[in-house]
Protein backbone atom coordinates (compact mmCIF):
# COMPACT_ATOMS: atom_id res chain seq x y z
CA MET A 1 12.16 28.23 -30.46
CA SER A 2 14.56 30.72 -28.77
CA GLN A 3 16.48 30.44 -25.98
CA THR A 4 14.52 32.75 -23.88
CA ASP A 5 11.06 31.14 -25.24
CA GLN A 6 12.31 27.92 -23.51
CA GLN A 7 13.15 29.18 -20.19
CA PHE A 8 9.66 30.93 -20.47
CA ASP A 9 7.81 28.49 -20.51
CA GLN A 10 9.99 26.12 -18.21
CA VAL A 11 9.49 28.48 -15.28
CA ALA A 12 6.23 29.55 -16.75
CA ALA A 13 5.50 25.48 -15.52
CA ILE A 14 7.37 25.83 -12.03
CA CYS A 15 4.61 28.48 -11.54
CA ARG A 16 1.55 26.51 -12.72
CA GLU A 17 2.30 23.59 -11.02
CA ILE A 18 2.56 25.60 -7.89
CA TYR A 19 -1.31 27.42 -8.55
CA SER A 20 -2.56 24.00 -9.27
CA SER A 21 -0.95 22.35 -6.42
CA LYS A 22 -2.83 25.03 -4.05
CA MET A 23 -6.19 24.96 -6.47
CA LYS A 24 -6.41 21.60 -5.01
CA ASP A 25 -5.57 22.81 -1.19
CA TYR A 26 -7.48 26.21 -1.18
CA GLY A 27 -9.47 26.09 -4.50
CA ALA A 28 -10.26 29.19 -6.09
CA SER A 29 -10.48 30.81 -2.08
CA TRP A 30 -8.43 34.23 -3.99
CA ARG A 31 -11.88 35.11 -5.60
CA ILE A 32 -12.62 36.77 -2.59
CA MET A 33 -9.56 39.28 -2.75
CA ARG A 34 -10.53 42.97 -4.22
CA THR A 35 -7.46 43.97 -6.57
CA ARG A 36 -5.72 45.88 -3.91
CA SER A 37 -5.61 42.89 -1.54
CA VAL A 38 -3.76 41.32 -4.87
CA THR A 39 -1.56 44.43 -5.17
CA ASP A 40 -0.29 44.85 -1.58
CA GLN A 41 0.33 40.82 -1.62
CA ILE A 42 2.24 41.37 -4.27
CA PHE A 43 3.88 44.26 -2.54
CA ILE A 44 4.86 42.00 0.55
CA LYS A 45 6.42 39.16 -1.07
CA ALA A 46 8.61 41.73 -3.62
CA ASN A 47 9.29 43.79 -0.57
CA ARG A 48 10.48 40.53 1.49
CA ILE A 49 12.75 39.85 -1.49
CA ARG A 50 14.61 43.32 -1.49
CA SER A 51 14.95 42.78 2.85
CA ILE A 52 16.47 39.42 1.80
CA GLU A 53 18.79 41.33 -0.71
CA ILE A 54 19.41 43.69 1.52
CA LYS A 55 20.20 41.80 4.56
CA GLY A 56 21.80 39.08 2.98
CA VAL A 57 20.08 36.66 5.35
CA SER A 58 16.52 35.15 5.37
CA LYS A 59 14.95 33.65 8.93
CA VAL A 60 11.58 32.01 7.08
CA ASP A 61 13.03 28.82 5.35
CA GLU A 62 11.09 29.81 2.35
CA GLY A 63 13.87 32.32 -0.19
CA ILE A 64 13.83 34.15 -3.02
CA ARG A 65 12.78 31.90 -5.49
CA SER A 66 9.26 30.82 -3.69
CA GLU A 67 8.64 34.95 -3.70
CA LEU A 68 8.99 35.43 -7.35
CA ILE A 69 6.87 32.37 -8.25
CA GLY A 70 4.47 34.37 -5.91
CA ILE A 71 4.77 37.78 -7.63
CA VAL A 72 3.58 35.39 -10.80
CA ASN A 73 0.97 33.86 -9.75
CA TYR A 74 -0.41 36.32 -7.69
CA GLY A 75 0.14 39.01 -11.00
CA ILE A 76 -1.81 36.43 -12.60
CA ILE A 77 -5.14 36.47 -10.14
CA GLY A 78 -4.63 40.08 -10.67
CA LEU A 79 -5.53 39.90 -14.10
CA ILE A 80 -8.46 37.12 -13.47
CA GLN A 81 -10.04 39.53 -10.83
CA LEU A 82 -9.74 42.07 -13.49
CA GLU A 83 -11.74 40.23 -15.85
CA LEU A 84 -14.07 38.32 -13.49
CA GLY A 85 -14.35 41.01 -10.97
CA VAL A 86 -14.34 40.13 -6.94
CA SER A 87 -16.27 37.26 -5.59
CA ASP A 88 -17.77 36.76 -2.46
CA GLU A 89 -16.95 33.06 -2.58
CA ASP A 90 -15.01 30.42 -4.19
CA ASP A 91 -17.19 31.09 -7.65
CA ILE A 92 -14.85 28.99 -10.07
CA GLY A 93 -13.70 25.88 -10.99
CA ARG A 94 -10.07 24.02 -10.90
CA GLU A 95 -10.59 24.10 -14.72
CA LYS A 96 -11.66 27.47 -15.21
CA ALA A 97 -9.25 28.64 -12.84
CA LEU A 98 -5.93 26.84 -14.81
CA GLN A 99 -7.73 28.04 -17.97
CA LEU A 100 -8.13 31.43 -17.06
CA TYR A 101 -3.77 31.07 -15.70
CA ASP A 102 -2.49 29.88 -18.94
CA LYS A 103 -4.51 32.61 -21.09
CA TYR A 104 -2.75 35.41 -18.73
CA MET A 105 0.30 33.59 -18.40
CA GLN A 106 0.35 33.64 -22.51
CA LYS A 107 -0.61 36.76 -22.79
CA ALA A 108 2.21 37.73 -20.35
CA LYS A 109 4.94 35.64 -22.61
CA ARG A 110 3.37 37.23 -25.71
CA LEU A 111 4.22 41.24 -24.26
CA MET A 112 7.57 39.38 -22.86
CA MET A 113 8.73 38.41 -26.18
CA ASN A 114 7.60 41.86 -28.58
CA LYS A 115 9.93 43.72 -25.61
CA ASN A 116 12.28 41.24 -25.82
CA HIS A 117 12.33 41.96 -29.66
CA ASP A 118 12.62 45.65 -29.08
CA TYR A 119 15.30 45.99 -26.52
CA ASP A 120 16.96 43.24 -27.62
CA GLU A 121 16.72 41.37 -24.32
CA ALA A 122 17.94 44.02 -21.80
CA TRP A 123 16.88 42.17 -18.55
CA ARG A 124 19.60 39.69 -19.31
CA SER A 125 22.39 42.32 -18.77
CA MET A 126 20.44 43.52 -15.13
CA ARG A 127 21.22 42.65 -11.88
CA THR A 128 18.53 40.47 -10.16
CA GLU A 129 18.63 43.08 -7.46
CA SER A 130 17.09 45.70 -10.05
CA TYR A 131 13.88 43.29 -10.91
CA THR A 132 13.02 43.81 -7.72
CA ASP A 133 13.43 47.62 -7.29
CA LEU A 134 11.02 47.60 -11.10
CA ILE A 135 8.48 45.62 -9.72
CA LEU A 136 8.54 47.51 -6.51
CA MET A 137 7.56 50.54 -8.77
CA LYS A 138 5.06 49.09 -10.95
CA ILE A 139 3.53 47.92 -7.12
CA ASN A 140 3.29 52.00 -6.09
CA ARG A 141 2.22 52.69 -9.70
CA THR A 142 -0.75 50.50 -9.57
CA LYS A 143 -1.44 51.53 -5.86
CA LYS A 144 -1.32 55.13 -7.31
CA ILE A 145 -4.00 53.77 -10.42
CA GLU A 146 -6.14 51.84 -7.70
CA ASP A 147 -6.31 54.65 -6.12
CA ASN A 148 -7.56 57.33 -8.69
CA ASP A 149 -10.34 54.32 -9.03
CA GLY A 150 -8.63 52.75 -12.00
CA GLU A 151 -8.40 55.96 -14.07
CA THR A 152 -5.15 57.17 -15.94
CA LEU A 153 -4.32 60.15 -18.16
CA ILE A 154 -1.95 58.92 -20.16
CA SER A 155 -0.24 55.86 -17.80
CA GLU A 156 -1.04 52.43 -19.10
CA GLY A 157 -4.01 50.66 -16.60
CA ILE A 158 -3.99 47.92 -14.09
CA ASP A 159 -3.72 44.93 -15.85
CA ALA A 160 0.10 46.29 -18.08
CA ASN A 161 0.98 46.84 -14.43
CA TYR A 162 0.72 43.26 -13.49
CA LEU A 163 2.00 42.05 -16.43
CA ASP A 164 4.96 43.84 -16.11
CA MET A 165 5.18 42.30 -12.85
CA ILE A 166 5.28 39.13 -13.71
CA ASN A 167 7.62 39.09 -16.57
CA TYR A 168 10.31 41.01 -14.43
CA ALA A 169 9.70 37.63 -11.49
CA VAL A 170 9.90 35.42 -14.53
CA PHE A 171 13.65 37.22 -15.65
CA GLY A 172 14.77 36.32 -12.31
CA LEU A 173 13.45 33.08 -11.89
CA ILE A 174 14.97 32.55 -15.14
CA LYS A 175 18.44 33.84 -13.87
CA MET A 176 18.09 31.69 -10.99
CA GLU A 177 17.31 28.66 -12.91
CA GLU A 178 20.53 29.59 -14.92
CA CYS A 179 22.74 29.72 -11.87
CA SER A 180 21.09 26.52 -10.44
């Protein structure tokens, strides 16, 4: 198992634990969210990260790490919502929600490992602020696709953008773990 493979799994386990704990607290209350709202939640988190990076200080107790975890988890929620559609109620149990979580986390990992092969892990040489900007760019692309009712002429769809956002957030979390 490669270093990146192991690091991805470590970060994924942290994110999954937060997701699982929130499922205990709230159930799958997020099932009522339309994907546009999920995208906006990711935007709020990425925008806050950028604000903290620029200002160098946070007035709210939670820092960049918790926002990156939120981006990972909301990205997976977005993928689940794309698969299941929106519900008017909390209609899936914790076990099913965790199964779907694992399915999409593994999909994100496979994509990341394939891209790492092709790009020779270029993300390791990038500045962490670039991950934030790339996530924000992916959000803007996703919003445009959503505004076009999910239709694209040549571009990847909403799901591909969510997967990329998840992986950029994972890269940021890996780098934070390496520095601690």
